[in-house]
N, C-alpha and C. Protein backbone atom coordinates (compact mmCIF):
# COMPACT_ATOMS: atom_id res chain seq x y z
N MET A 1 0.85 -1.18 0.00
CA MET A 1 0.00 0.00 0.00
C MET A 1 0.89 1.24 0.00
N GLU A 2 0.64 2.15 -0.85
CA GLU A 2 1.37 3.41 -0.89
C GLU A 2 0.71 4.38 0.07
N VAL A 3 1.46 4.86 1.02
CA VAL A 3 0.94 5.80 2.00
C VAL A 3 1.55 7.16 1.71
N ALA A 4 0.69 8.16 1.56
CA ALA A 4 1.18 9.51 1.30
C ALA A 4 2.03 9.97 2.46
N ARG A 5 3.15 10.58 2.16
CA ARG A 5 4.01 11.12 3.19
C ARG A 5 3.34 12.35 3.78
N ASP A 6 3.61 12.59 5.04
CA ASP A 6 3.05 13.77 5.66
C ASP A 6 4.18 14.47 6.43
N PRO A 7 4.05 15.76 6.64
CA PRO A 7 5.14 16.51 7.27
C PRO A 7 5.42 16.08 8.70
N GLN A 8 4.40 15.63 9.43
CA GLN A 8 4.62 15.24 10.82
C GLN A 8 5.48 13.98 10.93
N THR A 9 5.12 12.93 10.21
CA THR A 9 5.94 11.72 10.30
C THR A 9 7.31 11.95 9.69
N HIS A 10 7.38 12.80 8.69
CA HIS A 10 8.68 13.14 8.10
C HIS A 10 9.59 13.78 9.16
N GLU A 11 9.07 14.71 9.93
CA GLU A 11 9.85 15.36 10.99
C GLU A 11 10.25 14.36 12.08
N ILE A 12 9.34 13.48 12.46
CA ILE A 12 9.63 12.48 13.49
C ILE A 12 10.73 11.54 13.02
N ILE A 13 10.63 11.07 11.79
CA ILE A 13 11.65 10.17 11.24
C ILE A 13 12.99 10.89 11.16
N GLY A 14 12.99 12.17 10.80
CA GLY A 14 14.22 12.95 10.77
C GLY A 14 14.88 13.01 12.14
N ALA A 15 14.08 13.17 13.19
CA ALA A 15 14.61 13.17 14.55
C ALA A 15 15.21 11.81 14.90
N CYS A 16 14.53 10.75 14.50
CA CYS A 16 15.05 9.39 14.74
C CYS A 16 16.37 9.18 14.00
N MET A 17 16.45 9.66 12.78
CA MET A 17 17.68 9.51 12.00
C MET A 17 18.84 10.23 12.67
N GLU A 18 18.57 11.40 13.23
CA GLU A 18 19.62 12.15 13.93
C GLU A 18 20.11 11.38 15.15
N VAL A 19 19.19 10.79 15.92
CA VAL A 19 19.57 9.99 17.08
C VAL A 19 20.41 8.80 16.65
N HIS A 20 19.98 8.10 15.60
CA HIS A 20 20.73 6.94 15.12
C HIS A 20 22.09 7.34 14.59
N LYS A 21 22.17 8.48 13.92
CA LYS A 21 23.45 8.97 13.40
C LYS A 21 24.43 9.24 14.54
N GLU A 22 23.92 9.81 15.63
CA GLU A 22 24.78 10.15 16.77
C GLU A 22 25.17 8.93 17.60
N LEU A 23 24.22 8.02 17.83
CA LEU A 23 24.46 6.90 18.75
C LEU A 23 24.77 5.58 18.06
N GLY A 24 24.32 5.41 16.82
CA GLY A 24 24.49 4.12 16.17
C GLY A 24 23.60 3.08 16.83
N CYS A 25 23.89 1.81 16.60
CA CYS A 25 23.11 0.73 17.22
C CYS A 25 23.89 0.13 18.38
N GLY A 26 23.22 -0.64 19.20
CA GLY A 26 23.88 -1.35 20.28
C GLY A 26 23.50 -0.93 21.68
N PHE A 27 22.78 0.17 21.83
CA PHE A 27 22.34 0.59 23.15
C PHE A 27 20.99 -0.03 23.49
N LEU A 28 20.64 0.04 24.77
CA LEU A 28 19.32 -0.40 25.19
C LEU A 28 18.27 0.61 24.75
N GLU A 29 17.04 0.15 24.68
CA GLU A 29 15.93 1.00 24.23
C GLU A 29 15.81 2.28 25.05
N ALA A 30 16.05 2.20 26.35
CA ALA A 30 15.92 3.37 27.22
C ALA A 30 16.85 4.51 26.80
N VAL A 31 18.03 4.19 26.30
CA VAL A 31 18.97 5.21 25.84
C VAL A 31 18.38 5.94 24.63
N TYR A 32 17.83 5.19 23.70
CA TYR A 32 17.24 5.80 22.50
C TYR A 32 16.01 6.63 22.86
N GLN A 33 15.23 6.16 23.84
CA GLN A 33 14.06 6.92 24.25
C GLN A 33 14.47 8.28 24.80
N GLU A 34 15.47 8.30 25.66
CA GLU A 34 15.90 9.57 26.24
C GLU A 34 16.51 10.49 25.18
N ALA A 35 17.32 9.93 24.31
CA ALA A 35 17.94 10.73 23.24
C ALA A 35 16.87 11.27 22.29
N PHE A 36 15.89 10.44 21.96
CA PHE A 36 14.81 10.86 21.08
C PHE A 36 14.00 11.99 21.73
N GLU A 37 13.72 11.87 23.01
CA GLU A 37 13.02 12.93 23.73
C GLU A 37 13.79 14.24 23.63
N ARG A 38 15.09 14.19 23.82
CA ARG A 38 15.91 15.41 23.73
C ARG A 38 15.91 15.97 22.32
N GLU A 39 15.95 15.09 21.32
CA GLU A 39 15.96 15.55 19.93
C GLU A 39 14.62 16.21 19.57
N LEU A 40 13.52 15.63 20.03
CA LEU A 40 12.22 16.25 19.79
C LEU A 40 12.15 17.63 20.43
N THR A 41 12.68 17.75 21.63
CA THR A 41 12.70 19.03 22.33
C THR A 41 13.55 20.05 21.58
N LEU A 42 14.73 19.62 21.12
CA LEU A 42 15.60 20.52 20.36
C LEU A 42 14.92 21.02 19.10
N ARG A 43 14.14 20.17 18.47
CA ARG A 43 13.45 20.53 17.22
C ARG A 43 12.13 21.25 17.45
N GLY A 44 11.71 21.33 18.71
CA GLY A 44 10.46 22.01 19.02
C GLY A 44 9.22 21.24 18.59
N LEU A 45 9.34 19.92 18.50
CA LEU A 45 8.20 19.09 18.09
C LEU A 45 7.37 18.73 19.32
N PRO A 46 6.05 18.88 19.26
CA PRO A 46 5.21 18.56 20.40
C PRO A 46 5.10 17.05 20.61
N PHE A 47 5.20 16.62 21.88
CA PHE A 47 5.14 15.19 22.17
C PHE A 47 4.75 14.96 23.62
N GLY A 48 4.27 13.75 23.88
CA GLY A 48 4.09 13.22 25.22
C GLY A 48 4.87 11.93 25.31
N ARG A 49 5.54 11.69 26.43
CA ARG A 49 6.34 10.48 26.59
C ARG A 49 5.64 9.54 27.56
N GLU A 50 5.70 8.25 27.26
CA GLU A 50 5.10 7.19 28.07
C GLU A 50 3.64 7.53 28.40
N VAL A 51 2.86 7.67 27.34
CA VAL A 51 1.45 8.04 27.45
C VAL A 51 0.62 6.78 27.69
N TYR A 52 -0.15 6.80 28.76
CA TYR A 52 -1.01 5.65 29.07
C TYR A 52 -2.24 5.65 28.17
N LEU A 53 -2.55 4.48 27.66
CA LEU A 53 -3.70 4.29 26.79
C LEU A 53 -4.67 3.32 27.47
N PRO A 54 -5.87 3.78 27.83
CA PRO A 54 -6.82 2.87 28.47
C PRO A 54 -7.33 1.82 27.49
N VAL A 55 -7.62 0.65 28.02
CA VAL A 55 -8.16 -0.45 27.23
C VAL A 55 -9.62 -0.64 27.64
N ARG A 56 -10.49 -0.68 26.65
CA ARG A 56 -11.92 -0.87 26.92
C ARG A 56 -12.35 -2.26 26.44
N TYR A 57 -13.22 -2.85 27.21
CA TYR A 57 -13.78 -4.16 26.87
C TYR A 57 -15.28 -4.10 27.12
N LYS A 58 -16.06 -4.29 26.04
CA LYS A 58 -17.53 -4.27 26.11
C LYS A 58 -18.02 -3.02 26.85
N GLY A 59 -17.44 -1.88 26.49
CA GLY A 59 -17.90 -0.61 27.04
C GLY A 59 -17.32 -0.25 28.40
N GLU A 60 -16.55 -1.12 28.98
CA GLU A 60 -15.96 -0.86 30.30
C GLU A 60 -14.45 -0.66 30.16
N THR A 61 -13.92 0.28 30.92
CA THR A 61 -12.48 0.50 30.93
C THR A 61 -11.83 -0.50 31.88
N LEU A 62 -10.85 -1.24 31.37
CA LEU A 62 -10.13 -2.21 32.19
C LEU A 62 -9.13 -1.49 33.09
N ASP A 63 -8.74 -2.15 34.18
CA ASP A 63 -7.76 -1.58 35.10
C ASP A 63 -6.38 -1.49 34.45
N CYS A 64 -6.03 -2.47 33.61
CA CYS A 64 -4.72 -2.45 32.97
C CYS A 64 -4.72 -1.44 31.82
N LYS A 65 -3.55 -0.89 31.58
CA LYS A 65 -3.40 0.10 30.52
C LYS A 65 -2.12 -0.22 29.75
N TYR A 66 -2.11 0.18 28.49
CA TYR A 66 -0.88 0.13 27.69
C TYR A 66 -0.20 1.48 27.80
N LYS A 67 1.10 1.48 27.54
CA LYS A 67 1.87 2.71 27.61
C LYS A 67 2.64 2.88 26.31
N ALA A 68 2.23 3.86 25.52
CA ALA A 68 2.93 4.17 24.27
C ALA A 68 4.21 4.93 24.61
N ASP A 69 5.30 4.63 23.89
CA ASP A 69 6.56 5.33 24.15
C ASP A 69 6.38 6.84 23.97
N PHE A 70 5.82 7.25 22.84
CA PHE A 70 5.61 8.66 22.55
C PHE A 70 4.33 8.84 21.74
N ILE A 71 3.68 9.98 21.95
CA ILE A 71 2.66 10.44 21.03
C ILE A 71 3.09 11.83 20.61
N CYS A 72 3.36 11.99 19.33
CA CYS A 72 3.84 13.26 18.79
C CYS A 72 2.70 13.98 18.08
N TYR A 73 2.69 15.28 18.21
CA TYR A 73 1.66 16.13 17.60
C TYR A 73 0.26 15.79 18.10
N GLY A 74 0.15 14.94 19.09
CA GLY A 74 -1.16 14.54 19.59
C GLY A 74 -1.86 13.50 18.75
N PHE A 75 -1.24 13.10 17.60
CA PHE A 75 -1.93 12.15 16.73
C PHE A 75 -1.01 11.19 15.97
N VAL A 76 0.23 11.03 16.42
CA VAL A 76 1.12 10.02 15.83
C VAL A 76 1.76 9.23 16.98
N ILE A 77 1.43 7.95 17.08
CA ILE A 77 2.07 7.09 18.08
C ILE A 77 3.44 6.68 17.55
N VAL A 78 4.45 6.81 18.39
CA VAL A 78 5.81 6.42 18.02
C VAL A 78 6.29 5.38 19.03
N GLU A 79 6.56 4.20 18.53
CA GLU A 79 7.04 3.11 19.37
C GLU A 79 8.48 2.82 18.98
N LEU A 80 9.40 2.93 19.95
CA LEU A 80 10.82 2.73 19.71
C LEU A 80 11.24 1.33 20.16
N LYS A 81 12.14 0.74 19.40
CA LYS A 81 12.71 -0.56 19.71
C LYS A 81 14.21 -0.52 19.49
N ALA A 82 14.91 -1.46 20.12
CA ALA A 82 16.35 -1.64 19.92
C ALA A 82 16.60 -3.14 19.78
N LEU A 83 16.13 -3.70 18.68
CA LEU A 83 16.15 -5.14 18.44
C LEU A 83 17.00 -5.46 17.21
N THR A 84 17.48 -6.69 17.14
CA THR A 84 18.22 -7.10 15.95
C THR A 84 17.29 -7.30 14.76
N LYS A 85 15.99 -7.54 15.05
CA LYS A 85 15.03 -7.74 13.97
C LYS A 85 13.62 -7.46 14.50
N LEU A 86 12.83 -6.74 13.71
CA LEU A 86 11.42 -6.54 14.05
C LEU A 86 10.62 -7.76 13.63
N THR A 87 9.63 -8.11 14.42
CA THR A 87 8.79 -9.26 14.12
C THR A 87 7.32 -8.85 14.14
N THR A 88 6.46 -9.80 13.87
CA THR A 88 5.03 -9.53 13.91
C THR A 88 4.56 -9.15 15.32
N VAL A 89 5.32 -9.52 16.35
CA VAL A 89 4.97 -9.14 17.72
C VAL A 89 5.00 -7.62 17.86
N GLU A 90 6.03 -6.99 17.35
CA GLU A 90 6.15 -5.54 17.42
C GLU A 90 5.10 -4.86 16.53
N TYR A 91 4.84 -5.45 15.37
CA TYR A 91 3.80 -4.92 14.49
C TYR A 91 2.44 -4.96 15.21
N SER A 92 2.13 -6.08 15.85
CA SER A 92 0.86 -6.23 16.56
C SER A 92 0.75 -5.22 17.69
N GLN A 93 1.86 -4.95 18.37
CA GLN A 93 1.84 -4.00 19.48
C GLN A 93 1.37 -2.63 19.01
N ILE A 94 1.97 -2.11 17.96
CA ILE A 94 1.57 -0.77 17.51
C ILE A 94 0.17 -0.77 16.90
N ILE A 95 -0.21 -1.85 16.24
CA ILE A 95 -1.57 -1.94 15.71
C ILE A 95 -2.58 -1.89 16.86
N ASN A 96 -2.28 -2.60 17.95
CA ASN A 96 -3.18 -2.56 19.11
C ASN A 96 -3.22 -1.17 19.73
N TYR A 97 -2.09 -0.49 19.80
CA TYR A 97 -2.07 0.88 20.33
C TYR A 97 -2.95 1.79 19.48
N LEU A 98 -2.88 1.64 18.16
CA LEU A 98 -3.72 2.45 17.28
C LEU A 98 -5.19 2.15 17.52
N LYS A 99 -5.53 0.88 17.66
CA LYS A 99 -6.93 0.49 17.86
C LYS A 99 -7.49 1.05 19.16
N ILE A 100 -6.75 0.90 20.26
CA ILE A 100 -7.32 1.31 21.55
C ILE A 100 -7.31 2.82 21.73
N SER A 101 -6.40 3.51 21.04
CA SER A 101 -6.31 4.96 21.21
C SER A 101 -7.24 5.72 20.25
N GLY A 102 -7.58 5.09 19.13
CA GLY A 102 -8.34 5.78 18.10
C GLY A 102 -7.46 6.65 17.22
N ILE A 103 -6.17 6.65 17.49
CA ILE A 103 -5.21 7.41 16.68
C ILE A 103 -5.02 6.68 15.35
N GLU A 104 -4.87 7.45 14.27
CA GLU A 104 -4.82 6.84 12.94
C GLU A 104 -3.42 6.52 12.45
N ARG A 105 -2.40 7.23 12.93
CA ARG A 105 -1.05 7.03 12.40
C ARG A 105 -0.09 6.58 13.49
N GLY A 106 0.83 5.70 13.09
CA GLY A 106 1.86 5.24 14.01
C GLY A 106 3.16 4.97 13.29
N LEU A 107 4.24 5.08 14.05
CA LEU A 107 5.57 4.75 13.54
C LEU A 107 6.21 3.73 14.48
N LEU A 108 6.74 2.69 13.90
CA LEU A 108 7.53 1.71 14.63
C LEU A 108 8.96 1.91 14.18
N VAL A 109 9.85 2.26 15.12
CA VAL A 109 11.22 2.62 14.79
C VAL A 109 12.16 1.68 15.52
N ASN A 110 13.11 1.12 14.78
CA ASN A 110 14.09 0.19 15.36
C ASN A 110 15.50 0.76 15.25
N PHE A 111 16.12 1.02 16.40
CA PHE A 111 17.48 1.52 16.47
C PHE A 111 18.51 0.40 16.59
N GLY A 112 18.07 -0.86 16.65
CA GLY A 112 18.95 -1.97 16.95
C GLY A 112 19.70 -2.55 15.77
N THR A 113 19.66 -1.91 14.64
CA THR A 113 20.35 -2.40 13.44
C THR A 113 21.30 -1.31 12.93
N PRO A 114 22.30 -1.70 12.13
CA PRO A 114 23.24 -0.70 11.62
C PRO A 114 22.58 0.43 10.84
N ARG A 115 21.49 0.14 10.16
CA ARG A 115 20.70 1.17 9.46
C ARG A 115 19.37 1.31 10.17
N LEU A 116 18.96 2.53 10.44
CA LEU A 116 17.70 2.78 11.11
C LEU A 116 16.57 2.13 10.31
N GLU A 117 15.68 1.43 11.02
CA GLU A 117 14.50 0.83 10.39
C GLU A 117 13.26 1.53 10.92
N PHE A 118 12.31 1.76 10.04
CA PHE A 118 11.03 2.30 10.49
C PHE A 118 9.93 1.84 9.57
N LYS A 119 8.75 1.71 10.16
CA LYS A 119 7.54 1.34 9.42
C LYS A 119 6.44 2.28 9.85
N ARG A 120 5.67 2.75 8.87
CA ARG A 120 4.51 3.59 9.15
C ARG A 120 3.28 2.71 9.15
N PHE A 121 2.38 3.01 10.07
CA PHE A 121 1.12 2.29 10.17
C PHE A 121 -0.03 3.28 10.07
N ILE A 122 -1.05 2.90 9.33
CA ILE A 122 -2.26 3.70 9.20
C ILE A 122 -3.42 2.82 9.65
N ARG A 123 -4.18 3.30 10.65
CA ARG A 123 -5.32 2.54 11.14
C ARG A 123 -6.43 2.61 10.12
N SER A 124 -6.93 1.45 9.74
CA SER A 124 -8.05 1.38 8.80
C SER A 124 -9.32 1.82 9.48
N ALA A 125 -10.19 2.44 8.73
CA ALA A 125 -11.48 2.87 9.27
C ALA A 125 -12.31 1.64 9.56
N GLY A 126 -13.13 1.74 10.55
CA GLY A 126 -14.01 0.63 10.88
C GLY A 126 -14.30 0.57 12.35
N GLY A 127 -14.86 -0.52 12.76
CA GLY A 127 -15.28 -0.70 14.15
C GLY A 127 -14.13 -1.07 15.05
N GLY A 128 -14.46 -1.66 16.17
CA GLY A 128 -13.50 -2.01 17.19
C GLY A 128 -12.48 -3.02 16.73
N ASN A 129 -12.79 -3.79 15.71
CA ASN A 129 -11.84 -4.78 15.22
C ASN A 129 -11.07 -4.26 14.03
N SER A 130 -10.90 -2.94 13.94
CA SER A 130 -10.18 -2.38 12.81
C SER A 130 -8.74 -2.87 12.80
N SER A 131 -8.14 -2.81 11.63
CA SER A 131 -6.76 -3.24 11.49
C SER A 131 -5.94 -2.04 11.06
N ALA A 132 -4.68 -2.29 10.80
CA ALA A 132 -3.81 -1.21 10.33
C ALA A 132 -3.03 -1.73 9.13
N ASP A 133 -2.78 -0.82 8.21
CA ASP A 133 -1.97 -1.14 7.05
C ASP A 133 -0.57 -0.64 7.31
N VAL A 134 0.41 -1.45 6.95
CA VAL A 134 1.80 -1.03 7.11
C VAL A 134 2.28 -0.50 5.78
N ALA A 135 2.96 0.61 5.83
CA ALA A 135 3.58 1.16 4.61
C ALA A 135 4.95 0.53 4.45
N ASP A 136 5.28 0.21 3.25
CA ASP A 136 6.57 -0.44 2.97
C ASP A 136 7.64 0.62 2.77
N ASP A 137 8.06 1.23 3.87
CA ASP A 137 9.11 2.25 3.80
C ASP A 137 10.45 1.57 3.65
N ALA A 138 11.29 2.15 2.84
CA ALA A 138 12.66 1.66 2.73
C ALA A 138 13.41 2.05 3.99
N ASP A 139 14.28 1.16 4.43
CA ASP A 139 15.14 1.49 5.56
C ASP A 139 16.07 2.59 5.13
N GLU A 140 16.28 3.54 5.99
CA GLU A 140 17.12 4.68 5.62
C GLU A 140 18.32 4.76 6.53
């Protein structure tokens, strides 16, 4: 699926690229999260870090909550990883975050490889069982 580029995800990916350029791969996820937070601040990009997302079941809010790494601009979920390889587990995580939050766009970013990896996700319209389409972005 071809996903139109947008200025917000472009700016977020640029910030991720700067962090990867400075740090490379090999650090724990927490290091990349802190560096990414600082880069977003330096660039003046609006964000929330470790944003709790309530989970609803049959109209009731459950006690457990998910925690998104970042929500940028109030409408782009950004999930950071530091793995040797992304799997369907990580894809499912961000798809679930999109579903429970109602947010339409997400980025899954992996700092754990020599070249920064990222995938864009767009939540499909529909009911509670909506899915998300992944954009086939080239690793940069």
